[in-house]
PDB file of N, CA and C in Angstrom:
ATOM      1  N   MET A   1      59.792  85.305 152.302  1.00  0.00           N
ATOM      2  CA  MET A   1      58.559  86.165 151.983  1.00  0.00           C
ATOM      3  C   MET A   1      57.660  85.398 150.993  1.00  0.00           C
ATOM      4  N   GLN A   2      56.271  85.215 151.158  1.00  0.00           N
ATOM      5  CA  GLN A   2      55.521  84.590 150.225  1.00  0.00           C
ATOM      6  C   GLN A   2      54.801  85.609 149.257  1.00  0.00           C
ATOM      7  N   ARG A   3      54.513  85.286 148.198  1.00  0.00           N
ATOM      8  CA  ARG A   3      53.800  86.232 147.218  1.00  0.00           C
ATOM      9  C   ARG A   3      52.236  86.177 147.605  1.00  0.00           C
ATOM     10  N   LEU A   4      51.601  87.365 147.472  1.00  0.00           N
ATOM     11  CA  LEU A   4      50.207  87.333 147.613  1.00  0.00           C
ATOM     12  C   LEU A   4      49.735  86.943 146.146  1.00  0.00           C
ATOM     13  N   ARG A   5      48.917  85.894 146.053  1.00  0.00           N
ATOM     14  CA  ARG A   5      48.313  85.678 144.723  1.00  0.00           C
ATOM     15  C   ARG A   5      46.890  85.759 144.501  1.00  0.00           C
ATOM     16  N   LEU A   6      46.147  85.535 145.435  1.00  0.00           N
ATOM     17  CA  LEU A   6      44.718  85.683 145.468  1.00  0.00           C
ATOM     18  C   LEU A   6      44.260  87.180 145.237  1.00  0.00           C
ATOM     19  N   SER A   7      43.371  87.505 144.414  1.00  0.00           N
ATOM     20  CA  SER A   7      42.934  88.871 144.212  1.00  0.00           C
ATOM     21  C   SER A   7      42.161  89.397 145.587  1.00  0.00           C
ATOM     22  N   LYS A   8      41.557  88.402 146.317  1.00  0.00           N
ATOM     23  CA  LYS A   8      40.928  88.696 147.540  1.00  0.00           C
ATOM     24  C   LYS A   8      41.915  89.252 148.533  1.00  0.00           C
ATOM     25  N   ASP A   9      42.922  88.458 148.694  1.00  0.00           N
ATOM     26  CA  ASP A   9      44.115  89.126 149.576  1.00  0.00           C
ATOM     27  C   ASP A   9      44.654  90.335 149.110  1.00  0.00           C
ATOM     28  N   ILE A  10      45.030  90.568 147.900  1.00  0.00           N
ATOM     29  CA  ILE A  10      45.496  91.750 147.397  1.00  0.00           C
ATOM     30  C   ILE A  10      44.542  92.878 147.710  1.00  0.00           C
ATOM     31  N   GLN A  11      43.200  92.638 147.455  1.00  0.00           N
ATOM     32  CA  GLN A  11      42.323  93.739 147.655  1.00  0.00           C
ATOM     33  C   GLN A  11      42.124  94.004 149.113  1.00  0.00           C
ATOM     34  N   THR A  12      42.315  93.195 149.920  1.00  0.00           N
ATOM     35  CA  THR A  12      42.316  93.412 151.401  1.00  0.00           C
ATOM     36  C   THR A  12      43.424  94.298 151.898  1.00  0.00           C
ATOM     37  N   VAL A  13      44.635  93.855 151.379  1.00  0.00           N
ATOM     38  CA  VAL A  13      45.750  94.714 151.698  1.00  0.00           C
ATOM     39  C   VAL A  13      45.559  96.122 151.038  1.00  0.00           C
ATOM     40  N   TYR A  14      44.967  96.454 149.939  1.00  0.00           N
ATOM     41  CA  TYR A  14      44.755  97.570 149.414  1.00  0.00           C
ATOM     42  C   TYR A  14      43.820  98.468 150.271  1.00  0.00           C
ATOM     43  N   GLN A  15      42.718  97.968 150.751  1.00  0.00           N
ATOM     44  CA  GLN A  15      41.673  98.415 151.479  1.00  0.00           C
ATOM     45  C   GLN A  15      42.003  98.804 152.947  1.00  0.00           C
ATOM     46  N   ARG A  16      42.781  98.035 153.477  1.00  0.00           N
ATOM     47  CA  ARG A  16      43.259  98.082 154.942  1.00  0.00           C
ATOM     48  C   ARG A  16      44.487  98.611 155.208  1.00  0.00           C
ATOM     49  N   GLY A  17      45.379  98.477 154.267  1.00  0.00           N
ATOM     50  CA  GLY A  17      46.637  98.655 154.420  1.00  0.00           C
ATOM     51  C   GLY A  17      47.126 100.167 154.440  1.00  0.00           C
ATOM     52  N   VAL A  18      48.429 100.411 155.177  1.00  0.00           N
ATOM     53  CA  VAL A  18      49.016 101.702 155.066  1.00  0.00           C
ATOM     54  C   VAL A  18      49.693 101.984 153.717  1.00  0.00           C
ATOM     55  N   LYS A  19      49.336 103.118 153.199  1.00  0.00           N
ATOM     56  CA  LYS A  19      49.893 103.544 151.687  1.00  0.00           C
ATOM     57  C   LYS A  19      50.997 104.472 151.836  1.00  0.00           C
ATOM     58  N   ARG A  20      52.004 104.253 151.168  1.00  0.00           N
ATOM     59  CA  ARG A  20      53.060 105.184 150.955  1.00  0.00           C
ATOM     60  C   ARG A  20      53.252 105.402 149.412  1.00  0.00           C
ATOM     61  N   PHE A  21      53.382 106.762 149.059  1.00  0.00           N
ATOM     62  CA  PHE A  21      53.742 106.984 147.571  1.00  0.00           C
ATOM     63  C   PHE A  21      54.987 107.799 147.236  1.00  0.00           C
ATOM     64  N   HIS A  22      55.152 107.211 145.945  1.00  0.00           N
ATOM     65  CA  HIS A  22      56.590 107.841 145.493  1.00  0.00           C
ATOM     66  C   HIS A  22      56.229 108.031 143.945  1.00  0.00           C
ATOM     67  N   PRO A  23      56.851 108.986 143.489  1.00  0.00           N
ATOM     68  CA  PRO A  23      56.590 109.366 141.979  1.00  0.00           C
ATOM     69  C   PRO A  23      56.365 108.160 140.962  1.00  0.00           C
ATOM     70  N   PHE A  24      57.242 107.129 141.202  1.00  0.00           N
ATOM     71  CA  PHE A  24      57.165 106.001 140.290  1.00  0.00           C
ATOM     72  C   PHE A  24      56.561 104.658 140.909  1.00  0.00           C
ATOM     73  N   PHE A  25      56.202 104.561 142.013  1.00  0.00           N
ATOM     74  CA  PHE A  25      55.496 103.362 142.480  1.00  0.00           C
ATOM     75  C   PHE A  25      54.782 103.827 143.863  1.00  0.00           C
ATOM     76  N   ARG A  26      53.850 102.943 144.200  1.00  0.00           N
ATOM     77  CA  ARG A  26      53.216 102.906 145.413  1.00  0.00           C
ATOM     78  C   ARG A  26      53.361 101.693 146.215  1.00  0.00           C
ATOM     79  N   THR A  27      53.586 101.727 147.579  1.00  0.00           N
ATOM     80  CA  THR A  27      53.625 100.660 148.471  1.00  0.00           C
ATOM     81  C   THR A  27      52.421 100.616 149.314  1.00  0.00           C
ATOM     82  N   VAL A  28      52.042  99.500 149.762  1.00  0.00           N
ATOM     83  CA  VAL A  28      50.958  99.381 150.588  1.00  0.00           C
ATOM     84  C   VAL A  28      51.150  98.065 151.575  1.00  0.00           C
ATOM     85  N   PHE A  29      51.261  98.511 152.876  1.00  0.00           N
ATOM     86  CA  PHE A  29      51.526  97.362 153.844  1.00  0.00           C
ATOM     87  C   PHE A  29      50.281  97.164 154.777  1.00  0.00           C
ATOM     88  N   LEU A  30      50.285  95.931 155.262  1.00  0.00           N
ATOM     89  CA  LEU A  30      49.161  95.588 156.054  1.00  0.00           C
ATOM     90  C   LEU A  30      49.762  94.690 157.005  1.00  0.00           C
ATOM     91  N   LYS A  31      49.751  95.097 158.432  1.00  0.00           N
ATOM     92  CA  LYS A  31      50.346  94.014 159.559  1.00  0.00           C
ATOM     93  C   LYS A  31      49.445  92.862 159.609  1.00  0.00           C
ATOM     94  N   THR A  32      49.973  91.761 159.727  1.00  0.00           N
ATOM     95  CA  THR A  32      49.320  90.369 159.966  1.00  0.00           C
ATOM     96  C   THR A  32      49.798  89.685 161.085  1.00  0.00           C
ATOM     97  N   GLN A  33      49.025  88.680 161.431  1.00  0.00           N
ATOM     98  CA  GLN A  33      49.441  87.846 162.441  1.00  0.00           C
ATOM     99  C   GLN A  33      50.280  86.639 162.153  1.00  0.00           C
ATOM    100  N   GLU A  34      50.564  86.619 160.891  1.00  0.00           N
ATOM    101  CA  GLU A  34      51.418  85.450 160.315  1.00  0.00           C
ATOM    102  C   GLU A  34      52.806  85.869 160.633  1.00  0.00           C
ATOM    103  N   SER A  35      53.618  84.677 160.699  1.00  0.00           N
ATOM    104  CA  SER A  35      54.989  84.865 161.069  1.00  0.00           C
ATOM    105  C   SER A  35      55.688  85.348 159.810  1.00  0.00           C
ATOM    106  N   GLU A  36      55.211  84.994 158.677  1.00  0.00           N
ATOM    107  CA  GLU A  36      56.093  85.332 157.399  1.00  0.00           C
ATOM    108  C   GLU A  36      55.391  86.429 156.797  1.00  0.00           C
ATOM    109  N   SER A  37      55.976  87.339 156.277  1.00  0.00           N
ATOM    110  CA  SER A  37      55.494  88.567 155.461  1.00  0.00           C
ATOM    111  C   SER A  37      55.122  88.050 154.050  1.00  0.00           C
ATOM    112  N   ARG A  38      53.925  88.593 153.485  1.00  0.00           N
ATOM    113  CA  ARG A  38      53.526  88.360 152.255  1.00  0.00           C
ATOM    114  C   ARG A  38      53.439  89.671 151.481  1.00  0.00           C
ATOM    115  N   ALA A  39      53.607  89.748 150.224  1.00  0.00           N
ATOM    116  CA  ALA A  39      53.622  90.763 149.387  1.00  0.00           C
ATOM    117  C   ALA A  39      53.331  90.506 148.007  1.00  0.00           C
ATOM    118  N   THR A  40      53.097  91.494 147.229  1.00  0.00           N
ATOM    119  CA  THR A  40      52.724  91.377 145.960  1.00  0.00           C
ATOM    120  C   THR A  40      53.389  92.816 145.209  1.00  0.00           C
ATOM    121  N   VAL A  41      53.757  92.671 143.948  1.00  0.00           N
ATOM    122  CA  VAL A  41      54.227  93.757 143.234  1.00  0.00           C
ATOM    123  C   VAL A  41      53.124  94.001 141.989  1.00  0.00           C
ATOM    124  N   VAL A  42      52.622  95.413 142.033  1.00  0.00           N
ATOM    125  CA  VAL A  42      51.641  95.594 141.005  1.00  0.00           C
ATOM    126  C   VAL A  42      52.220  96.711 140.241  1.00  0.00           C
ATOM    127  N   VAL A  43      52.246  96.591 138.979  1.00  0.00           N
ATOM    128  CA  VAL A  43      52.809  97.785 138.090  1.00  0.00           C
ATOM    129  C   VAL A  43      51.610  98.052 137.085  1.00  0.00           C
ATOM    130  N   SER A  44      51.315  99.532 137.334  1.00  0.00           N
ATOM    131  CA  SER A  44      50.268 100.021 136.533  1.00  0.00           C
ATOM    132  C   SER A  44      50.486 100.119 135.023  1.00  0.00           C
ATOM    133  N   THR A  45      49.493 100.236 134.246  1.00  0.00           N
ATOM    134  CA  THR A  45      49.648 100.401 132.778  1.00  0.00           C
ATOM    135  C   THR A  45      50.134 101.892 132.588  1.00  0.00           C
ATOM    136  N   ARG A  46      49.934 102.715 133.631  1.00  0.00           N
ATOM    137  CA  ARG A  46      50.639 103.990 133.435  1.00  0.00           C
ATOM    138  C   ARG A  46      51.993 103.917 133.235  1.00  0.00           C
ATOM    139  N   VAL A  47      52.738 103.133 133.773  1.00  0.00           N
ATOM    140  CA  VAL A  47      54.207 102.861 133.777  1.00  0.00           C
ATOM    141  C   VAL A  47      54.529 102.477 132.383  1.00  0.00           C
ATOM    142  N   SER A  48      53.867 101.591 131.738  1.00  0.00           N
ATOM    143  CA  SER A  48      53.997 100.989 130.457  1.00  0.00           C
ATOM    144  C   SER A  48      52.768 100.238 129.918  1.00  0.00           C
ATOM    145  N   LYS A  49      52.559 100.515 128.756  1.00  0.00           N
ATOM    146  CA  LYS A  49      51.259  99.715 128.150  1.00  0.00           C
ATOM    147  C   LYS A  49      51.498  98.261 127.800  1.00  0.00           C
ATOM    148  N   LYS A  50      52.814  97.978 127.858  1.00  0.00           N
ATOM    149  CA  LYS A  50      53.300  96.700 127.384  1.00  0.00           C
ATOM    150  C   LYS A  50      53.534  95.791 128.586  1.00  0.00           C
ATOM    151  N   ALA A  51      52.783  94.585 128.522  1.00  0.00           N
ATOM    152  CA  ALA A  51      52.898  93.529 129.635  1.00  0.00           C
ATOM    153  C   ALA A  51      54.298  93.146 129.987  1.00  0.00           C
ATOM    154  N   VAL A  52      55.017  92.977 128.631  1.00  0.00           N
ATOM    155  CA  VAL A  52      56.496  92.562 128.771  1.00  0.00           C
ATOM    156  C   VAL A  52      57.265  93.492 129.615  1.00  0.00           C
ATOM    157  N   GLU A  53      57.144  94.667 129.399  1.00  0.00           N
ATOM    158  CA  GLU A  53      57.727  95.748 130.219  1.00  0.00           C
ATOM    159  C   GLU A  53      57.367  95.675 131.732  1.00  0.00           C
ATOM    160  N   ARG A  54      56.190  95.501 132.097  1.00  0.00           N
ATOM    161  CA  ARG A  54      55.538  95.654 133.315  1.00  0.00           C
ATOM    162  C   ARG A  54      56.086  94.421 134.004  1.00  0.00           C
ATOM    163  N   ASN A  55      55.938  93.218 133.479  1.00  0.00           N
ATOM    164  CA  ASN A  55      56.471  92.066 133.945  1.00  0.00           C
ATOM    165  C   ASN A  55      57.993  92.127 134.271  1.00  0.00           C
ATOM    166  N   ARG A  56      58.686  92.694 133.405  1.00  0.00           N
ATOM    167  CA  ARG A  56      60.263  92.807 133.775  1.00  0.00           C
ATOM    168  C   ARG A  56      60.485  93.728 134.905  1.00  0.00           C
ATOM    169  N   ILE A  57      59.756  94.649 135.002  1.00  0.00           N
ATOM    170  CA  ILE A  57      59.911  95.602 136.268  1.00  0.00           C
ATOM    171  C   ILE A  57      59.501  94.782 137.546  1.00  0.00           C
ATOM    172  N   LYS A  58      58.462  94.074 137.464  1.00  0.00           N
ATOM    173  CA  LYS A  58      58.054  93.265 138.637  1.00  0.00           C
ATOM    174  C   LYS A  58      59.041  92.270 139.037  1.00  0.00           C
ATOM    175  N   ARG A  59      59.701  91.663 138.037  1.00  0.00           N
ATOM    176  CA  ARG A  59      60.857  90.480 138.264  1.00  0.00           C
ATOM    177  C   ARG A  59      61.911  91.268 138.867  1.00  0.00           C
ATOM    178  N   ARG A  60      62.150  92.534 138.565  1.00  0.00           N
ATOM    179  CA  ARG A  60      63.193  93.171 139.293  1.00  0.00           C
ATOM    180  C   ARG A  60      62.964  93.773 140.551  1.00  0.00           C
ATOM    181  N   LEU A  61      61.832  94.009 140.877  1.00  0.00           N
ATOM    182  CA  LEU A  61      61.387  94.632 142.163  1.00  0.00           C
ATOM    183  C   LEU A  61      61.131  93.565 143.240  1.00  0.00           C
ATOM    184  N   ARG A  62      60.803  92.258 142.909  1.00  0.00           N
ATOM    185  CA  ARG A  62      60.442  91.124 143.812  1.00  0.00           C
ATOM    186  C   ARG A  62      61.766  90.938 144.777  1.00  0.00           C
ATOM    187  N   PRO A  63      62.917  90.760 144.246  1.00  0.00           N
ATOM    188  CA  PRO A  63      64.126  90.353 145.024  1.00  0.00           C
ATOM    189  C   PRO A  63      64.373  91.562 146.056  1.00  0.00           C
ATOM    190  N   ILE A  64      64.285  92.853 145.560  1.00  0.00           N
ATOM    191  CA  ILE A  64      64.462  93.908 146.402  1.00  0.00           C
ATOM    192  C   ILE A  64      63.465  93.985 147.631  1.00  0.00           C
ATOM    193  N   LEU A  65      62.236  93.912 147.167  1.00  0.00           N
ATOM    194  CA  LEU A  65      61.063  93.738 148.204  1.00  0.00           C
ATOM    195  C   LEU A  65      61.361  92.697 149.230  1.00  0.00           C
ATOM    196  N   LYS A  66      61.840  91.379 148.852  1.00  0.00           N
ATOM    197  CA  LYS A  66      62.172  90.337 149.645  1.00  0.00           C
ATOM    198  C   LYS A  66      63.183  90.633 150.557  1.00  0.00           C
ATOM    199  N   LYS A  67      64.359  91.246 150.119  1.00  0.00           N
ATOM    200  CA  LYS A  67      65.236  91.574 150.872  1.00  0.00           C
ATOM    201  C   LYS A  67      64.852  92.688 152.011  1.00  0.00           C
ATOM    202  N   ILE A  68      64.050  93.685 151.552  1.00  0.00           N
ATOM    203  CA  ILE A  68      63.628  94.701 152.672  1.00  0.00           C
ATOM    204  C   ILE A  68      62.755  93.933 153.746  1.00  0.00           C
ATOM    205  N   LEU A  69      61.787  93.089 153.180  1.00  0.00           N
ATOM    206  CA  LEU A  69      61.024  92.459 154.199  1.00  0.00           C
ATOM    207  C   LEU A  69      61.817  91.457 155.109  1.00  0.00           C
ATOM    208  N   ASN A  70      62.732  90.751 154.713  1.00  0.00           N
ATOM    209  CA  ASN A  70      63.529  89.906 155.482  1.00  0.00           C
ATOM    210  C   ASN A  70      64.412  90.564 156.569  1.00  0.00           C
ATOM    211  N   GLN A  71      64.840  91.738 156.230  1.00  0.00           N
ATOM    212  CA  GLN A  71      65.458  92.654 157.018  1.00  0.00           C
ATOM    213  C   GLN A  71      64.670  93.108 158.079  1.00  0.00           C
ATOM    214  N   ALA A  72      63.431  93.354 157.891  1.00  0.00           N
ATOM    215  CA  ALA A  72      62.532  94.048 158.710  1.00  0.00           C
ATOM    216  C   ALA A  72      62.070  93.099 159.855  1.00  0.00           C
ATOM    217  N   GLY A  73      62.258  91.675 159.602  1.00  0.00           N
ATOM    218  CA  GLY A  73      61.971  90.637 160.464  1.00  0.00           C
ATOM    219  C   GLY A  73      60.410  90.241 160.450  1.00  0.00           C
ATOM    220  N   PRO A  74      60.058  89.349 161.266  1.00  0.00           N
ATOM    221  CA  PRO A  74      58.549  88.983 161.301  1.00  0.00           C
ATOM    222  C   PRO A  74      57.693  90.178 161.584  1.00  0.00           C
ATOM    223  N   SER A  75      56.458  90.039 160.962  1.00  0.00           N
ATOM    224  CA  SER A  75      55.376  91.055 161.080  1.00  0.00           C
ATOM    225  C   SER A  75      54.745  90.867 162.555  1.00  0.00           C
ATOM    226  N   ARG A  76      54.651  91.849 163.460  1.00  0.00           N
ATOM    227  CA  ARG A  76      54.029  91.771 164.714  1.00  0.00           C
ATOM    228  C   ARG A  76      53.004  92.838 164.894  1.00  0.00           C
TER     229      ARG A  76
END
């Protein structure tokens, strides 16, 4: 799994992707033609006003997301 880093790429996923909501987070997925899945983790300031805490949450979520995407296989 590669991380989405460019704001343009992240914005495209938000605009065109399929959204799923949970009380604590939101996931947005976009099917691509690439063989490897790409993802990003965004934690809102509603979760915490402190960047340190938001970054800690992102560090914990990335390996979980990577495992889920690897189990799902290549995007088709």
